[in-house]
Amino acid sequence: MEAKNKSVAIILAFFLGTFGIHKFYLGNNFAGILYLVFFWTFIPALLAIFDFIGLLLMSDNAFNAQYNVNIIPAAQSNSLTTLSELKKLYDQGIITADEYEEKRRKFLDKL
């Protein structure tokens, strides 16, 4: 699954929102079909204006949280790897529980 781009969604909502193309792009196929079926009523055009404004005002973090849920950024992937390696050291008895908790807390505070 490829990450959705906020700019592409905004452009699609502006130019092709009446037909629901932005809904298909964002993975909401049912809404996209409804937009296509009722495009002749101009109701989807009105809704697309609100979608356009909503996407335009939405922060990148909120966009990613809503539409890129299954995509793990490289920074998060590296963080998970670091934390799992730290846990392995604790499980193997190389570091104590206090050392593990201290290192884990310092690492999480940096994030």
N, C-alpha and C. Protein backbone atom coordinates (compact mmCIF):
# COMPACT_ATOMS: atom_id res chain seq x y z
N MET A 1 0.84 -1.18 0.00
CA MET A 1 0.00 0.00 0.00
C MET A 1 0.89 1.24 0.00
N GLU A 2 0.58 2.15 -0.89
CA GLU A 2 1.37 3.36 -1.01
C GLU A 2 0.73 4.50 -0.22
N ALA A 3 1.56 5.36 0.33
CA ALA A 3 1.08 6.48 1.12
C ALA A 3 0.31 7.46 0.24
N LYS A 4 -0.75 8.00 0.80
CA LYS A 4 -1.55 9.02 0.11
C LYS A 4 -0.88 10.38 0.29
N ASN A 5 -0.95 11.19 -0.75
CA ASN A 5 -0.36 12.52 -0.74
C ASN A 5 -1.47 13.55 -0.55
N LYS A 6 -1.31 14.40 0.42
CA LYS A 6 -2.32 15.41 0.74
C LYS A 6 -2.53 16.37 -0.44
N SER A 7 -1.46 16.79 -1.08
CA SER A 7 -1.57 17.73 -2.20
C SER A 7 -2.36 17.14 -3.36
N VAL A 8 -2.12 15.87 -3.64
CA VAL A 8 -2.86 15.20 -4.72
C VAL A 8 -4.34 15.15 -4.37
N ALA A 9 -4.65 14.82 -3.13
CA ALA A 9 -6.05 14.76 -2.69
C ALA A 9 -6.73 16.12 -2.83
N ILE A 10 -6.02 17.18 -2.48
CA ILE A 10 -6.57 18.54 -2.58
C ILE A 10 -6.86 18.89 -4.04
N ILE A 11 -5.91 18.59 -4.91
CA ILE A 11 -6.09 18.90 -6.34
C ILE A 11 -7.24 18.09 -6.93
N LEU A 12 -7.32 16.82 -6.58
CA LEU A 12 -8.42 15.98 -7.08
C LEU A 12 -9.77 16.49 -6.57
N ALA A 13 -9.82 16.90 -5.31
CA ALA A 13 -11.08 17.42 -4.75
C ALA A 13 -11.49 18.70 -5.47
N PHE A 14 -10.53 19.54 -5.82
CA PHE A 14 -10.85 20.81 -6.47
C PHE A 14 -11.33 20.60 -7.91
N PHE A 15 -10.59 19.80 -8.68
CA PHE A 15 -10.90 19.67 -10.10
C PHE A 15 -11.90 18.55 -10.42
N LEU A 16 -11.85 17.44 -9.69
CA LEU A 16 -12.70 16.30 -10.01
C LEU A 16 -13.58 15.88 -8.84
N GLY A 17 -13.75 16.76 -7.88
CA GLY A 17 -14.53 16.44 -6.70
C GLY A 17 -15.98 16.12 -6.99
N THR A 18 -16.55 16.73 -8.01
CA THR A 18 -17.94 16.48 -8.38
C THR A 18 -18.16 15.00 -8.67
N PHE A 19 -17.14 14.35 -9.22
CA PHE A 19 -17.24 12.93 -9.58
C PHE A 19 -16.72 12.00 -8.48
N GLY A 20 -16.24 12.56 -7.39
CA GLY A 20 -15.79 11.75 -6.26
C GLY A 20 -14.43 11.10 -6.44
N ILE A 21 -13.64 11.58 -7.39
CA ILE A 21 -12.33 10.97 -7.65
C ILE A 21 -11.43 11.06 -6.42
N HIS A 22 -11.52 12.15 -5.69
CA HIS A 22 -10.71 12.29 -4.47
C HIS A 22 -11.09 11.25 -3.42
N LYS A 23 -12.37 10.87 -3.39
CA LYS A 23 -12.82 9.84 -2.45
C LYS A 23 -12.22 8.48 -2.81
N PHE A 24 -12.19 8.17 -4.09
CA PHE A 24 -11.55 6.93 -4.53
C PHE A 24 -10.06 6.94 -4.18
N TYR A 25 -9.40 8.06 -4.43
CA TYR A 25 -7.97 8.18 -4.13
C TYR A 25 -7.69 7.97 -2.65
N LEU A 26 -8.56 8.48 -1.79
CA LEU A 26 -8.35 8.38 -0.35
C LEU A 26 -8.85 7.06 0.23
N GLY A 27 -9.39 6.18 -0.62
CA GLY A 27 -9.78 4.85 -0.17
C GLY A 27 -11.22 4.73 0.30
N ASN A 28 -12.01 5.77 0.11
CA ASN A 28 -13.42 5.73 0.52
C ASN A 28 -14.26 5.46 -0.73
N ASN A 29 -14.23 4.21 -1.17
CA ASN A 29 -14.86 3.85 -2.44
C ASN A 29 -16.38 3.98 -2.43
N PHE A 30 -17.01 3.68 -1.30
CA PHE A 30 -18.47 3.80 -1.23
C PHE A 30 -18.91 5.25 -1.47
N ALA A 31 -18.24 6.19 -0.81
CA ALA A 31 -18.57 7.61 -1.00
C ALA A 31 -18.27 8.01 -2.45
N GLY A 32 -17.18 7.50 -3.01
CA GLY A 32 -16.86 7.80 -4.40
C GLY A 32 -17.95 7.34 -5.36
N ILE A 33 -18.50 6.17 -5.10
CA ILE A 33 -19.59 5.66 -5.94
C ILE A 33 -20.83 6.54 -5.80
N LEU A 34 -21.13 6.96 -4.56
CA LEU A 34 -22.28 7.85 -4.36
C LEU A 34 -22.10 9.18 -5.09
N TYR A 35 -20.88 9.72 -5.05
CA TYR A 35 -20.61 10.96 -5.77
C TYR A 35 -20.84 10.74 -7.26
N LEU A 36 -20.36 9.61 -7.80
CA LEU A 36 -20.54 9.33 -9.23
C LEU A 36 -22.00 9.16 -9.61
N VAL A 37 -22.76 8.47 -8.79
CA VAL A 37 -24.16 8.21 -9.10
C VAL A 37 -24.98 9.49 -9.07
N PHE A 38 -24.68 10.39 -8.15
CA PHE A 38 -25.49 11.59 -7.98
C PHE A 38 -24.83 12.88 -8.49
N PHE A 39 -23.78 12.77 -9.30
CA PHE A 39 -23.07 13.98 -9.74
C PHE A 39 -23.98 14.94 -10.50
N TRP A 40 -24.98 14.44 -11.17
CA TRP A 40 -25.87 15.27 -11.96
C TRP A 40 -26.75 16.17 -11.10
N THR A 41 -26.85 15.90 -9.79
CA THR A 41 -27.68 16.72 -8.91
C THR A 41 -26.92 17.92 -8.36
N PHE A 42 -25.64 17.98 -8.57
CA PHE A 42 -24.75 19.04 -8.09
C PHE A 42 -24.54 19.00 -6.58
N ILE A 43 -25.18 18.07 -5.89
CA ILE A 43 -24.93 17.91 -4.45
C ILE A 43 -23.49 17.47 -4.20
N PRO A 44 -22.97 16.51 -4.97
CA PRO A 44 -21.57 16.14 -4.77
C PRO A 44 -20.60 17.30 -5.03
N ALA A 45 -20.97 18.20 -5.93
CA ALA A 45 -20.11 19.37 -6.18
C ALA A 45 -20.04 20.25 -4.94
N LEU A 46 -21.16 20.43 -4.29
CA LEU A 46 -21.19 21.21 -3.05
C LEU A 46 -20.39 20.51 -1.95
N LEU A 47 -20.57 19.20 -1.84
CA LEU A 47 -19.82 18.43 -0.84
C LEU A 47 -18.32 18.46 -1.14
N ALA A 48 -17.98 18.44 -2.42
CA ALA A 48 -16.57 18.47 -2.80
C ALA A 48 -15.91 19.78 -2.40
N ILE A 49 -16.66 20.86 -2.42
CA ILE A 49 -16.12 22.15 -1.96
C ILE A 49 -15.75 22.06 -0.49
N PHE A 50 -16.64 21.45 0.30
CA PHE A 50 -16.35 21.28 1.72
C PHE A 50 -15.19 20.31 1.94
N ASP A 51 -15.12 19.25 1.13
CA ASP A 51 -14.00 18.31 1.22
C ASP A 51 -12.69 19.03 0.89
N PHE A 52 -12.71 19.86 -0.15
CA PHE A 52 -11.53 20.61 -0.56
C PHE A 52 -11.04 21.51 0.58
N ILE A 53 -11.97 22.26 1.16
CA ILE A 53 -11.60 23.16 2.27
C ILE A 53 -11.10 22.37 3.47
N GLY A 54 -11.77 21.27 3.77
CA GLY A 54 -11.35 20.44 4.89
C GLY A 54 -9.95 19.87 4.70
N LEU A 55 -9.67 19.39 3.49
CA LEU A 55 -8.32 18.87 3.21
C LEU A 55 -7.28 19.98 3.24
N LEU A 56 -7.66 21.14 2.75
CA LEU A 56 -6.74 22.28 2.71
C LEU A 56 -6.35 22.72 4.12
N LEU A 57 -7.30 22.70 5.04
CA LEU A 57 -7.05 23.15 6.40
C LEU A 57 -6.51 22.06 7.33
N MET A 58 -6.57 20.81 6.87
CA MET A 58 -6.13 19.68 7.70
C MET A 58 -4.61 19.67 7.81
N SER A 59 -4.11 19.44 9.01
CA SER A 59 -2.66 19.37 9.20
C SER A 59 -2.13 18.08 8.57
N ASP A 60 -0.84 18.07 8.29
CA ASP A 60 -0.22 16.88 7.70
C ASP A 60 -0.32 15.69 8.64
N ASN A 61 -0.14 15.94 9.93
CA ASN A 61 -0.24 14.85 10.91
C ASN A 61 -1.65 14.26 10.95
N ALA A 62 -2.65 15.12 10.93
CA ALA A 62 -4.03 14.64 10.94
C ALA A 62 -4.35 13.87 9.66
N PHE A 63 -3.85 14.38 8.52
CA PHE A 63 -4.06 13.68 7.24
C PHE A 63 -3.44 12.30 7.27
N ASN A 64 -2.19 12.22 7.74
CA ASN A 64 -1.51 10.93 7.81
C ASN A 64 -2.19 9.98 8.78
N ALA A 65 -2.67 10.51 9.89
CA ALA A 65 -3.35 9.67 10.87
C ALA A 65 -4.65 9.11 10.31
N GLN A 66 -5.31 9.87 9.45
CA GLN A 66 -6.59 9.41 8.92
C GLN A 66 -6.44 8.56 7.67
N TYR A 67 -5.51 8.92 6.77
CA TYR A 67 -5.45 8.24 5.48
C TYR A 67 -4.21 7.38 5.27
N ASN A 68 -3.21 7.50 6.10
CA ASN A 68 -1.99 6.70 5.96
C ASN A 68 -1.72 5.90 7.23
N VAL A 69 -2.76 5.30 7.76
CA VAL A 69 -2.67 4.59 9.03
C VAL A 69 -1.72 3.40 8.95
N ASN A 70 -1.76 2.65 7.86
CA ASN A 70 -0.99 1.42 7.75
C ASN A 70 0.45 1.65 7.30
N ILE A 71 0.81 2.86 7.03
CA ILE A 71 2.16 3.19 6.59
C ILE A 71 2.98 3.58 7.81
N ILE A 72 4.09 2.88 8.07
CA ILE A 72 4.96 3.21 9.19
C ILE A 72 6.14 4.01 8.65
N PRO A 73 6.29 5.26 9.06
CA PRO A 73 7.43 6.05 8.61
C PRO A 73 8.74 5.41 9.03
N ALA A 74 9.81 5.71 8.28
CA ALA A 74 11.13 5.14 8.56
C ALA A 74 11.59 5.49 9.97
N ALA A 75 11.31 6.68 10.43
CA ALA A 75 11.73 7.09 11.78
C ALA A 75 11.05 6.22 12.83
N GLN A 76 9.76 5.93 12.64
CA GLN A 76 9.06 5.07 13.59
C GLN A 76 9.58 3.65 13.50
N SER A 77 9.89 3.19 12.30
CA SER A 77 10.43 1.85 12.13
C SER A 77 11.76 1.71 12.85
N ASN A 78 12.63 2.72 12.71
CA ASN A 78 13.91 2.71 13.41
C ASN A 78 13.71 2.76 14.91
N SER A 79 12.74 3.51 15.37
CA SER A 79 12.45 3.60 16.79
C SER A 79 12.01 2.26 17.34
N LEU A 80 11.16 1.57 16.58
CA LEU A 80 10.69 0.26 17.01
C LEU A 80 11.85 -0.73 17.08
N THR A 81 12.75 -0.65 16.12
CA THR A 81 13.91 -1.54 16.11
C THR A 81 14.80 -1.26 17.32
N THR A 82 15.05 0.00 17.61
CA THR A 82 15.88 0.37 18.75
C THR A 82 15.27 -0.11 20.07
N LEU A 83 13.96 0.09 20.22
CA LEU A 83 13.30 -0.34 21.44
C LEU A 83 13.29 -1.86 21.58
N SER A 84 13.12 -2.57 20.47
CA SER A 84 13.13 -4.03 20.54
C SER A 84 14.52 -4.56 20.87
N GLU A 85 15.56 -3.90 20.35
CA GLU A 85 16.93 -4.31 20.69
C GLU A 85 17.22 -4.05 22.17
N LEU A 86 16.74 -2.95 22.68
CA LEU A 86 16.91 -2.64 24.09
C LEU A 86 16.20 -3.68 24.96
N LYS A 87 15.00 -4.08 24.54
CA LYS A 87 14.25 -5.10 25.27
C LYS A 87 14.98 -6.44 25.24
N LYS A 88 15.60 -6.78 24.12
CA LYS A 88 16.37 -8.02 24.03
C LYS A 88 17.52 -8.02 25.01
N LEU A 89 18.20 -6.89 25.14
CA LEU A 89 19.29 -6.79 26.11
C LEU A 89 18.80 -7.04 27.52
N TYR A 90 17.64 -6.51 27.84
CA TYR A 90 17.06 -6.72 29.17
C TYR A 90 16.67 -8.20 29.35
N ASP A 91 16.02 -8.77 28.33
CA ASP A 91 15.60 -10.17 28.43
C ASP A 91 16.78 -11.13 28.58
N GLN A 92 17.91 -10.78 27.98
CA GLN A 92 19.09 -11.63 28.06
C GLN A 92 19.86 -11.41 29.36
N GLY A 93 19.44 -10.44 30.15
CA GLY A 93 20.09 -10.18 31.42
C GLY A 93 21.35 -9.34 31.31
N ILE A 94 21.58 -8.72 30.17
CA ILE A 94 22.77 -7.90 29.97
C ILE A 94 22.62 -6.57 30.70
N ILE A 95 21.41 -6.05 30.76
CA ILE A 95 21.15 -4.83 31.52
C ILE A 95 20.07 -5.12 32.56
N THR A 96 20.09 -4.36 33.63
CA THR A 96 19.11 -4.55 34.71
C THR A 96 17.80 -3.86 34.35
N ALA A 97 16.78 -4.12 35.15
CA ALA A 97 15.47 -3.51 34.93
C ALA A 97 15.55 -2.00 35.06
N ASP A 98 16.33 -1.51 36.02
CA ASP A 98 16.49 -0.06 36.19
C ASP A 98 17.19 0.56 34.99
N GLU A 99 18.25 -0.11 34.50
CA GLU A 99 18.96 0.41 33.32
C GLU A 99 18.06 0.41 32.10
N TYR A 100 17.30 -0.67 31.95
CA TYR A 100 16.37 -0.77 30.82
C TYR A 100 15.36 0.37 30.85
N GLU A 101 14.76 0.58 32.01
CA GLU A 101 13.74 1.62 32.13
C GLU A 101 14.34 3.01 31.92
N GLU A 102 15.54 3.23 32.43
CA GLU A 102 16.20 4.53 32.26
C GLU A 102 16.51 4.80 30.79
N LYS A 103 17.09 3.81 30.11
CA LYS A 103 17.43 3.98 28.69
C LYS A 103 16.19 4.12 27.83
N ARG A 104 15.17 3.34 28.16
CA ARG A 104 13.92 3.42 27.41
C ARG A 104 13.28 4.79 27.57
N ARG A 105 13.25 5.29 28.79
CA ARG A 105 12.66 6.59 29.06
C ARG A 105 13.42 7.70 28.35
N LYS A 106 14.77 7.65 28.39
CA LYS A 106 15.58 8.65 27.69
C LYS A 106 15.32 8.63 26.19
N PHE A 107 15.23 7.42 25.64
CA PHE A 107 14.98 7.29 24.20
C PHE A 107 13.61 7.84 23.83
N LEU A 108 12.61 7.51 24.62
CA LEU A 108 11.24 7.98 24.31
C LEU A 108 11.12 9.50 24.50
N ASP A 109 11.85 10.04 25.45
CA ASP A 109 11.82 11.49 25.66
C ASP A 109 12.42 12.25 24.47
N LYS A 110 13.37 11.62 23.79
CA LYS A 110 13.99 12.26 22.62
C LYS A 110 13.00 12.33 21.46
N LEU A 111 12.07 11.38 21.41
CA LEU A 111 11.09 11.37 20.33
C LEU A 111 10.12 12.50 20.55
